Amino acid sequence: MITYLQNLISTSPTGFITYADYIGAALYHPEFGYYMKDKQKIGRQGDFITTSNISDVYGSLVAKWFSHICQTTNLPEVFCEIGAGNGRFAKAFLQEWNDSIKTSLQYIIVESSPYHRKLQQEMLLPEHSVVQVGSLSELGYAEGMIFSNELFDALPVHVIEKIDGKLFEVMVGARNNELYEQKIPLANPDILSFLETSKLDLKEKQRIEIPLAMEKMIQEIATVLTKGLVVTADYGYKNEEWMDPRRAQGSLRGYYQHTMIHDVLQHPGDMDITTHIHFDDLIQKGEQVGLSLLTKLRQDEFLLKAGILKELEDHYDPNPFSEVSKRNRAIRSLVMPSEISSYFHIIVQQKGMEMSDNIIFAK
């Protein structure tokens, strides 16, 4: 990977590449990219954990919630998951659908990683029927729900910093088989437009990530979806939260064997790289392309409104290692303050529909 990056940098017009180019290569290069490699990434043997891999309750609850929406609004039972990882969320969703809902469902997975497509097939087939595609553009047009869990935080971002009152883009260079940062005057018109639209005025020595790839992804989702809901589960900040002095260095970081790494130029191709997303920009860009905000909730609040407490077994099992006890502990971990769900938000956007919280959540 380092040789590929050195060649990429040496052949660039400036002798440097943007952080977005670096992250794109480190995560998504067809051969060397972290997400593309035949390597376990999620769970104890990987580098990070996701909500859907804590318990199957998450996937089964979303299945029930989606079924309620379809029954209430006559929305087609078409569920599209972008970036399905190892397929555990899909399996829990489809198992719940087969066991308790039992209506016709089309489940589509958009997955660019051949390794993850293989894991999904091993997890789901032949018991469950799914359609796998490599990109959103392969879908054509669709009605239903488009769902993602920790998708936008893994997209490439640019990095900028304010020094002596001037804005610079932080670039990546290479020398002696090592990568390093180099700041150049900010000239990218798309970044300047983002700052103007978001009204973000950086403070001295503040750096921040600029999610141009996220805006492109939102546009692609809006193009594909003709009618339905877009549900995004992710972590991030609103604009005023970005300006908190505690976030003066931005949020770009890596995870390597469950250890947070602040210097994402380490372990290229062998480490997950992530950022907090810009919630205000996601919502505003969505509005511009026809995705109107329906609701934004902390993930624990969403799970409670979707009825997760109904999933608790109503009897006590003294055996702490029983399936009932483990399931109940998982449910509590998803809704307790300071646990994983309190760090995530669920953003629900709609297109071609006029709905409210009273409709999408059963009373």
Protein backbone atom coordinates (compact mmCIF):
# COMPACT_ATOMS: atom_id res chain seq x y z
CA MET A 1 0.00 0.00 0.00
CA ILE A 2 2.78 2.46 0.85
CA THR A 3 4.34 1.98 -2.60
CA TYR A 4 0.99 2.66 -4.26
CA LEU A 5 0.52 5.82 -2.17
CA GLN A 6 4.04 7.03 -2.97
CA ASN A 7 3.34 6.63 -6.68
CA LEU A 8 -0.02 8.38 -6.31
CA ILE A 9 1.62 11.29 -4.52
CA SER A 10 4.66 11.57 -6.81
CA THR A 11 2.50 11.68 -9.95
CA SER A 12 0.06 14.29 -8.60
CA PRO A 13 0.48 17.81 -10.06
CA THR A 14 1.44 19.35 -6.70
CA GLY A 15 3.43 16.44 -5.27
CA PHE A 16 0.75 16.04 -2.60
CA ILE A 17 -2.70 14.47 -2.40
CA THR A 18 -5.71 15.53 -0.38
CA TYR A 19 -6.77 13.66 2.73
CA ALA A 20 -9.86 12.63 0.76
CA ASP A 21 -7.65 10.95 -1.86
CA TYR A 22 -5.58 9.30 0.86
CA ILE A 23 -8.61 7.98 2.76
CA GLY A 24 -10.24 6.83 -0.47
CA ALA A 25 -7.14 4.77 -1.32
CA ALA A 26 -6.51 3.51 2.22
CA LEU A 27 -10.09 2.28 2.62
CA TYR A 28 -11.40 1.52 -0.86
CA HIS A 29 -8.53 0.66 -3.23
CA PRO A 30 -9.66 -2.57 -4.98
CA GLU A 31 -6.55 -4.48 -3.86
CA PHE A 32 -4.97 -2.63 -0.94
CA GLY A 33 -7.98 -0.88 0.64
CA TYR A 34 -8.92 -1.77 4.20
CA TYR A 35 -12.57 -2.52 3.41
CA MET A 36 -11.66 -4.52 0.32
CA LYS A 37 -9.19 -6.92 1.92
CA ASP A 38 -10.02 -10.47 3.04
CA LYS A 39 -9.67 -9.54 6.68
CA GLN A 40 -12.09 -9.58 9.60
CA LYS A 41 -12.92 -6.01 10.60
CA ILE A 42 -15.92 -6.22 12.94
CA GLY A 43 -15.95 -7.87 16.37
CA ARG A 44 -13.31 -9.07 18.81
CA GLN A 45 -10.96 -10.31 16.10
CA GLY A 46 -11.37 -7.11 14.09
CA ASP A 47 -10.78 -3.42 14.73
CA PHE A 48 -14.18 -2.04 15.77
CA ILE A 49 -17.74 -2.92 16.83
CA THR A 50 -21.10 -1.73 15.49
CA THR A 51 -24.57 -1.54 17.03
CA SER A 52 -25.92 -4.27 14.77
CA ASN A 53 -23.23 -6.66 15.99
CA ILE A 54 -24.04 -6.20 19.68
CA SER A 55 -27.37 -7.99 19.36
CA ASP A 56 -29.80 -9.29 16.76
CA VAL A 57 -32.47 -7.23 18.53
CA TYR A 58 -31.44 -4.18 16.49
CA GLY A 59 -32.13 -5.81 13.13
CA SER A 60 -35.34 -7.52 14.23
CA LEU A 61 -36.70 -4.27 15.70
CA VAL A 62 -36.01 -2.33 12.50
CA ALA A 63 -37.82 -5.08 10.57
CA LYS A 64 -40.94 -4.66 12.74
CA TRP A 65 -40.71 -0.87 12.47
CA PHE A 66 -40.40 -1.01 8.67
CA SER A 67 -43.36 -3.40 8.45
CA HIS A 68 -45.47 -0.98 10.52
CA ILE A 69 -44.59 1.87 8.16
CA CYS A 70 -45.44 -0.21 5.08
CA GLN A 71 -48.79 -1.23 6.54
CA THR A 72 -49.62 2.32 7.61
CA THR A 73 -48.58 4.11 4.41
CA ASN A 74 -48.79 1.40 1.69
CA LEU A 75 -45.08 1.91 1.05
CA PRO A 76 -43.69 -0.98 -1.05
CA GLU A 77 -41.91 -3.61 1.05
CA VAL A 78 -38.51 -2.90 -0.48
CA PHE A 79 -35.63 -2.49 1.97
CA CYS A 80 -32.19 -1.41 0.72
CA GLU A 81 -29.18 -1.54 3.06
CA ILE A 82 -26.05 0.33 1.99
CA GLY A 83 -22.84 -1.18 3.34
CA ALA A 84 -24.07 -4.34 5.07
CA GLY A 85 -20.71 -5.42 6.51
CA ASN A 86 -20.74 -9.05 7.59
CA GLY A 87 -24.51 -9.34 7.03
CA ARG A 88 -25.55 -9.78 10.66
CA PHE A 89 -28.06 -6.90 10.62
CA ALA A 90 -29.61 -8.29 7.41
CA LYS A 91 -29.85 -11.77 8.89
CA ALA A 92 -31.63 -10.52 12.02
CA PHE A 93 -33.96 -8.38 9.93
CA LEU A 94 -34.82 -11.19 7.51
CA GLN A 95 -35.22 -13.77 10.26
CA GLU A 96 -37.74 -11.54 12.03
CA TRP A 97 -39.53 -10.89 8.75
CA ASN A 98 -39.79 -14.61 7.98
CA ASP A 99 -40.87 -15.53 11.52
CA SER A 100 -43.44 -12.88 12.37
CA ILE A 101 -44.30 -10.73 9.36
CA LYS A 102 -44.31 -13.26 6.53
CA THR A 103 -45.24 -10.92 3.69
CA SER A 104 -43.36 -10.54 0.43
CA LEU A 105 -40.17 -8.53 0.85
CA GLN A 106 -37.37 -7.46 -1.44
CA TYR A 107 -34.10 -7.00 0.47
CA ILE A 108 -31.31 -5.28 -1.46
CA ILE A 109 -27.72 -4.87 -0.29
CA VAL A 110 -25.45 -2.26 -1.86
CA GLU A 111 -21.91 -3.43 -1.13
CA SER A 112 -18.72 -2.43 -2.93
CA SER A 113 -16.43 -4.84 -1.06
CA PRO A 114 -16.06 -8.31 -2.61
CA TYR A 115 -14.94 -9.63 0.78
CA HIS A 116 -18.07 -8.37 2.50
CA ARG A 117 -20.30 -9.63 -0.31
CA LYS A 118 -18.82 -13.08 0.29
CA LEU A 119 -19.43 -12.83 4.05
CA GLN A 120 -23.01 -11.74 3.42
CA GLN A 121 -23.65 -14.69 1.15
CA GLU A 122 -22.23 -17.07 3.75
CA MET A 123 -24.37 -15.46 6.46
CA LEU A 124 -27.63 -15.24 4.50
CA LEU A 125 -27.78 -17.87 1.78
CA PRO A 126 -29.57 -20.11 1.05
CA GLU A 127 -32.03 -19.45 3.88
CA HIS A 128 -32.71 -15.82 2.99
CA SER A 129 -33.23 -14.22 -0.40
CA VAL A 130 -31.28 -11.02 -1.05
CA VAL A 131 -30.17 -9.03 -4.07
CA GLN A 132 -26.57 -7.78 -3.98
CA VAL A 133 -25.34 -4.89 -6.12
CA GLY A 134 -22.01 -3.12 -6.13
CA SER A 135 -23.28 0.46 -6.30
CA LEU A 136 -26.42 2.55 -6.00
CA SER A 137 -26.36 3.26 -9.72
CA GLU A 138 -27.11 -0.42 -10.39
CA LEU A 139 -30.49 -0.10 -8.67
CA GLY A 140 -32.12 2.13 -11.25
CA TYR A 141 -35.08 3.65 -9.42
CA ALA A 142 -36.73 2.35 -6.27
CA GLU A 143 -39.52 2.94 -3.79
CA GLY A 144 -39.21 1.81 -0.17
CA MET A 145 -36.58 2.43 2.52
CA ILE A 146 -32.86 3.06 2.10
CA PHE A 147 -31.01 2.30 5.34
CA SER A 148 -27.39 2.71 6.38
CA ASN A 149 -25.55 2.11 9.63
CA GLU A 150 -22.20 3.90 9.97
CA LEU A 151 -21.90 4.58 6.25
CA PHE A 152 -21.22 8.30 6.05
CA ASP A 153 -18.56 8.28 8.79
CA ALA A 154 -16.42 5.98 6.60
CA LEU A 155 -16.47 8.18 3.49
CA PRO A 156 -13.38 10.21 2.49
CA VAL A 157 -13.12 13.76 3.81
CA HIS A 158 -10.93 16.77 3.12
CA VAL A 159 -9.14 18.40 6.06
CA ILE A 160 -8.67 22.16 6.47
CA GLU A 161 -7.06 24.29 9.18
CA LYS A 162 -6.98 28.00 10.03
CA ILE A 163 -3.53 29.48 10.66
CA ASP A 164 -2.79 33.19 11.18
CA GLY A 165 -6.30 33.99 10.06
CA LYS A 166 -5.97 32.14 6.74
CA LEU A 167 -7.48 28.84 5.64
CA PHE A 168 -5.25 25.99 4.48
CA GLU A 169 -6.01 22.52 3.16
CA VAL A 170 -4.00 19.82 4.90
CA MET A 171 -2.41 17.60 2.25
CA VAL A 172 -0.47 14.33 2.39
CA GLY A 173 3.08 13.91 1.14
CA ALA A 174 5.64 11.09 1.14
CA ARG A 175 9.38 10.84 1.73
CA ASN A 176 11.65 8.01 2.82
CA ASN A 177 8.75 5.52 2.90
CA GLU A 178 6.87 7.72 5.35
CA LEU A 179 3.77 9.87 4.96
CA TYR A 180 3.55 13.40 6.32
CA GLU A 181 1.23 16.41 6.32
CA GLN A 182 1.73 19.59 4.29
CA LYS A 183 -0.54 22.65 4.45
CA ILE A 184 -1.29 24.64 1.30
CA PRO A 185 -3.55 27.70 0.86
CA LEU A 186 -7.17 26.59 0.50
CA ALA A 187 -8.27 26.91 -3.11
CA ASN A 188 -10.85 24.14 -3.62
CA PRO A 189 -14.07 25.96 -4.65
CA ASP A 190 -16.28 23.12 -3.37
CA ILE A 191 -14.78 23.41 0.11
CA LEU A 192 -15.16 27.20 0.06
CA SER A 193 -18.79 26.76 -1.00
CA PHE A 194 -19.35 24.27 1.83
CA LEU A 195 -17.98 26.73 4.39
CA GLU A 196 -20.13 29.54 3.04
CA THR A 197 -23.30 27.45 3.04
CA SER A 198 -22.71 25.97 6.48
CA LYS A 199 -21.61 29.33 7.91
CA LEU A 200 -18.75 27.61 9.73
CA ASP A 201 -16.18 30.22 10.77
CA LEU A 202 -13.12 28.39 12.02
CA LYS A 203 -11.20 29.70 15.00
CA GLU A 204 -7.45 30.13 15.03
CA LYS A 205 -5.60 26.76 14.79
CA GLN A 206 -8.89 24.88 14.43
CA ARG A 207 -9.02 22.03 11.93
CA ILE A 208 -12.12 20.32 10.62
CA GLU A 209 -13.14 17.67 8.10
CA ILE A 210 -15.11 18.65 4.99
CA PRO A 211 -17.47 15.86 3.76
CA LEU A 212 -17.74 16.44 0.01
CA ALA A 213 -18.13 12.68 -0.62
CA MET A 214 -21.07 12.60 1.80
CA GLU A 215 -22.84 15.27 -0.21
CA LYS A 216 -22.29 13.24 -3.38
CA MET A 217 -23.68 10.11 -1.70
CA ILE A 218 -26.80 11.98 -0.57
CA GLN A 219 -27.35 13.12 -4.14
CA GLU A 220 -27.02 9.53 -5.41
CA ILE A 221 -29.51 8.26 -2.81
CA ALA A 222 -32.02 10.97 -3.71
CA THR A 223 -31.65 10.13 -7.41
CA VAL A 224 -32.36 6.43 -6.84
CA LEU A 225 -35.24 6.84 -4.38
CA THR A 226 -38.42 7.97 -6.07
CA LYS A 227 -40.65 7.54 -3.03
CA GLY A 228 -39.97 6.44 0.52
CA LEU A 229 -37.67 6.96 3.49
CA VAL A 230 -33.93 7.34 3.98
CA VAL A 231 -32.79 6.19 7.44
CA THR A 232 -29.24 7.06 8.53
CA ALA A 233 -27.68 5.71 11.73
CA ASP A 234 -24.40 7.42 12.52
CA TYR A 235 -22.46 9.62 14.91
CA GLY A 236 -21.74 13.28 14.30
CA TYR A 237 -22.12 16.90 15.37
CA LYS A 238 -24.30 19.88 14.56
CA ASN A 239 -22.53 23.06 13.45
CA GLU A 240 -22.51 24.66 16.89
CA GLU A 241 -21.05 21.46 18.34
CA TRP A 242 -18.22 21.55 15.81
CA MET A 243 -17.25 24.96 17.19
CA ASP A 244 -16.81 23.63 20.73
CA PRO A 245 -13.14 24.16 21.76
CA ARG A 246 -12.92 20.46 22.67
CA ARG A 247 -13.25 19.66 18.95
CA ALA A 248 -10.62 22.10 17.74
CA GLN A 249 -8.60 19.25 16.19
CA GLY A 250 -11.56 17.75 14.32
CA SER A 251 -12.65 14.14 14.59
CA LEU A 252 -10.51 12.23 12.08
CA ARG A 253 -9.11 9.08 13.68
CA GLY A 254 -8.36 5.42 13.07
CA TYR A 255 -9.16 2.17 14.82
CA TYR A 256 -6.55 -0.56 14.81
CA GLN A 257 -7.17 -3.72 16.85
CA HIS A 258 -9.73 -1.82 18.97
CA THR A 259 -7.24 0.95 19.75
CA MET A 260 -7.91 4.54 18.72
CA ILE A 261 -5.13 5.99 16.57
CA HIS A 262 -5.06 9.78 16.17
CA ASP A 263 -2.55 9.76 13.30
CA VAL A 264 -4.48 8.19 10.41
CA LEU A 265 -1.36 8.15 8.24
CA GLN A 266 -0.28 5.09 10.22
CA HIS A 267 -1.10 1.56 9.04
CA PRO A 268 -2.52 2.60 5.63
CA GLY A 269 -4.76 -0.17 4.32
CA ASP A 270 -4.69 -2.03 7.62
CA MET A 271 -6.69 0.38 9.79
CA ASP A 272 -10.25 1.66 9.83
CA ILE A 273 -10.51 5.44 9.35
CA THR A 274 -13.54 7.39 10.50
CA THR A 275 -14.89 10.87 11.23
CA HIS A 276 -17.96 12.34 12.87
CA ILE A 277 -20.40 13.48 10.21
CA HIS A 278 -21.89 16.94 9.72
CA PHE A 279 -25.54 16.48 10.70
CA ASP A 280 -26.62 19.96 9.58
CA ASP A 281 -25.03 19.48 6.16
CA LEU A 282 -26.59 16.03 5.72
CA ILE A 283 -30.03 17.48 6.48
CA GLN A 284 -29.54 20.65 4.43
CA LYS A 285 -28.12 18.81 1.42
CA GLY A 286 -30.99 16.35 1.66
CA GLU A 287 -33.52 19.19 1.53
CA GLN A 288 -31.83 20.54 -1.60
CA VAL A 289 -32.23 17.21 -3.42
CA GLY A 290 -35.77 16.42 -2.31
CA LEU A 291 -35.18 14.55 0.96
CA SER A 292 -37.12 16.41 3.64
CA LEU A 293 -36.31 15.83 7.30
CA LEU A 294 -38.91 13.77 9.12
CA THR A 295 -37.14 13.30 12.45
CA LYS A 296 -33.72 13.25 14.09
CA LEU A 297 -33.38 11.28 17.31
CA ARG A 298 -30.62 9.93 19.47
CA GLN A 299 -30.42 6.21 18.74
CA ASP A 300 -31.61 5.19 22.20
CA GLU A 301 -34.61 7.52 21.83
CA PHE A 302 -35.37 6.02 18.44
CA LEU A 303 -35.19 2.47 19.77
CA LEU A 304 -37.54 3.33 22.64
CA LYS A 305 -40.07 4.94 20.27
CA ALA A 306 -39.78 1.93 17.95
CA GLY A 307 -40.77 -0.34 20.87
CA ILE A 308 -37.56 -1.99 22.01
CA LEU A 309 -38.81 -2.36 25.59
CA LYS A 310 -41.53 -4.68 24.27
CA GLU A 311 -38.69 -7.01 23.27
CA LEU A 312 -37.64 -7.60 26.88
CA GLU A 313 -38.60 -11.06 28.04
CA ASP A 314 -41.27 -10.75 30.71
CA HIS A 315 -39.84 -13.44 32.94
CA TYR A 316 -36.69 -13.64 35.01
CA ASP A 317 -34.04 -16.23 34.28
CA PRO A 318 -31.54 -16.73 37.11
CA ASN A 319 -28.97 -18.14 34.69
CA PRO A 320 -26.91 -15.12 33.51
CA PHE A 321 -25.59 -17.13 30.55
CA SER A 322 -28.98 -18.16 29.17
CA GLU A 323 -30.15 -16.78 25.82
CA VAL A 324 -32.97 -14.90 27.54
CA SER A 325 -30.57 -13.19 29.96
CA LYS A 326 -28.08 -12.33 27.23
CA ARG A 327 -30.84 -10.90 25.03
CA ASN A 328 -32.22 -8.78 27.87
CA ARG A 329 -28.75 -7.47 28.73
CA ALA A 330 -28.21 -6.52 25.09
CA ILE A 331 -31.51 -4.64 25.00
CA ARG A 332 -30.61 -2.71 28.13
CA SER A 333 -27.16 -1.89 26.72
CA LEU A 334 -28.84 -0.34 23.68
CA VAL A 335 -30.96 2.08 25.70
CA MET A 336 -29.01 2.82 28.87
CA PRO A 337 -27.46 6.31 29.22
CA SER A 338 -23.75 6.48 28.34
CA GLU A 339 -23.93 3.19 26.42
CA ILE A 340 -23.29 2.91 22.66
CA SER A 341 -26.69 4.22 21.47
CA SER A 342 -26.27 7.55 23.24
CA TYR A 343 -23.43 8.37 20.83
CA PHE A 344 -25.45 7.67 17.68
CA HIS A 345 -28.32 9.48 16.00
CA ILE A 346 -31.02 8.27 13.65
CA ILE A 347 -31.96 10.69 10.89
CA VAL A 348 -35.13 9.89 8.94
CA GLN A 349 -35.75 11.73 5.67
CA GLN A 350 -38.68 11.29 3.32
CA LYS A 351 -39.27 11.77 -0.38
CA GLY A 352 -42.63 11.85 -2.15
CA MET A 353 -44.48 11.33 1.12
CA GLU A 354 -46.08 13.49 3.81
CA MET A 355 -45.57 11.69 7.11
CA SER A 356 -45.06 12.56 10.75
CA ASP A 357 -43.77 10.90 13.92
CA ASN A 358 -47.32 9.82 14.72
CA ILE A 359 -47.39 7.77 11.53
CA ILE A 360 -43.95 6.17 11.55
CA PHE A 361 -44.06 5.14 15.21
CA ALA A 362 -46.80 2.85 16.50
CA LYS A 363 -48.63 4.13 19.58
